[in-house]
C-alpha atoms as a PDB file:
ATOM      1  CA  MET A   1     102.261 102.125 107.935  1.00  0.00           C
ATOM      2  CA  SER A   2      98.639 103.577 107.186  1.00  0.00           C
ATOM      3  CA  THR A   3      97.606 106.060 105.111  1.00  0.00           C
ATOM      4  CA  ASN A   4      94.878 108.843 104.895  1.00  0.00           C
ATOM      5  CA  ALA A   5      92.276 106.905 101.714  1.00  0.00           C
ATOM      6  CA  ARG A   6      92.075 110.367 100.488  1.00  0.00           C
ATOM      7  CA  ILE A   7      95.988 110.500 100.263  1.00  0.00           C
ATOM      8  CA  ARG A   8      95.865 107.244  98.432  1.00  0.00           C
ATOM      9  CA  LYS A   9      92.956 108.658  96.096  1.00  0.00           C
ATOM     10  CA  ASP A  10      94.427 111.758  95.667  1.00  0.00           C
ATOM     11  CA  LYS A  11      98.381 111.478  95.846  1.00  0.00           C
ATOM     12  CA  GLU A  12      98.745 114.619  97.340  1.00  0.00           C
ATOM     13  CA  LEU A  13      98.908 115.127 100.586  1.00  0.00           C
ATOM     14  CA  TYR A  14      99.734 119.163 102.705  1.00  0.00           C
ATOM     15  CA  LEU A  15     102.291 119.923 105.063  1.00  0.00           C
ATOM     16  CA  HIS A  16     101.377 122.421 107.782  1.00  0.00           C
ATOM     17  CA  ALA A  17     104.495 123.130 110.694  1.00  0.00           C
ATOM     18  CA  ASP A  18     105.382 126.039 112.511  1.00  0.00           C
ATOM     19  CA  ARG A  19     108.813 127.488 112.581  1.00  0.00           C
ATOM     20  CA  SER A  20     110.174 125.364 116.014  1.00  0.00           C
ATOM     21  CA  LEU A  21     109.531 121.963 113.868  1.00  0.00           C
ATOM     22  CA  ASN A  22     113.143 120.770 112.795  1.00  0.00           C
ATOM     23  CA  TYR A  23     113.528 121.694 108.997  1.00  0.00           C
ATOM     24  CA  GLY A  24     115.207 118.373 108.390  1.00  0.00           C
ATOM     25  CA  LEU A  25     112.057 116.890 109.693  1.00  0.00           C
ATOM     26  CA  VAL A  26     109.825 117.966 107.392  1.00  0.00           C
ATOM     27  CA  VAL A  27     112.527 116.837 105.391  1.00  0.00           C
ATOM     28  CA  GLU A  28     112.390 113.648 105.936  1.00  0.00           C
ATOM     29  CA  ILE A  29     108.815 113.651 106.223  1.00  0.00           C
ATOM     30  CA  MET A  30     108.379 114.437 102.702  1.00  0.00           C
ATOM     31  CA  ALA A  31     110.683 111.647 101.892  1.00  0.00           C
ATOM     32  CA  THR A  32     108.356 109.181 103.585  1.00  0.00           C
ATOM     33  CA  ALA A  33     104.872 110.562 101.455  1.00  0.00           C
ATOM     34  CA  ARG A  34     106.866 110.409  98.302  1.00  0.00           C
ATOM     35  CA  ARG A  35     108.299 106.563  98.747  1.00  0.00           C
ATOM     36  CA  ALA A  36     104.206 105.615  99.530  1.00  0.00           C
ATOM     37  CA  GLY A  37     103.189 107.779  96.536  1.00  0.00           C
ATOM     38  CA  VAL A  38     102.166 110.885  97.472  1.00  0.00           C
ATOM     39  CA  GLU A  39     102.724 112.517  94.070  1.00  0.00           C
ATOM     40  CA  SER A  40     102.059 116.156  94.875  1.00  0.00           C
ATOM     41  CA  MET A  41     103.160 117.911  97.767  1.00  0.00           C
ATOM     42  CA  GLY A  42     102.573 121.831  98.963  1.00  0.00           C
ATOM     43  CA  MET A  43     102.846 124.037 102.619  1.00  0.00           C
ATOM     44  CA  ILE A  44     100.611 125.816 103.622  1.00  0.00           C
ATOM     45  CA  THR A  45     101.713 128.965 105.342  1.00  0.00           C
ATOM     46  CA  GLU A  46     100.601 131.458 107.753  1.00  0.00           C
ATOM     47  CA  PRO A  47     102.649 135.024 107.979  1.00  0.00           C
ATOM     48  CA  ASP A  48     103.655 136.212 110.973  1.00  0.00           C
ATOM     49  CA  LYS A  49     101.852 137.682 113.224  1.00  0.00           C
ATOM     50  CA  GLU A  50     103.994 140.534 113.786  1.00  0.00           C
ATOM     51  CA  LEU A  51     104.348 141.284 109.421  1.00  0.00           C
ATOM     52  CA  ARG A  52     100.485 141.051 109.192  1.00  0.00           C
ATOM     53  CA  LYS A  53      98.802 144.243 108.229  1.00  0.00           C
ATOM     54  CA  PRO A  54      96.649 145.774 110.926  1.00  0.00           C
END
């Protein structure tokens, strides 16, 4: 498994996924990252286009 140099240095990961991705897969990815030494995780979100105010 290769790791991103910034992740190795900062031990930080931000996930960006849309609703079409299976939640179980996201959980597996988060668990794998934790086992790889990631200490801090965050989620990047974007509001649905239908919910955005003009």
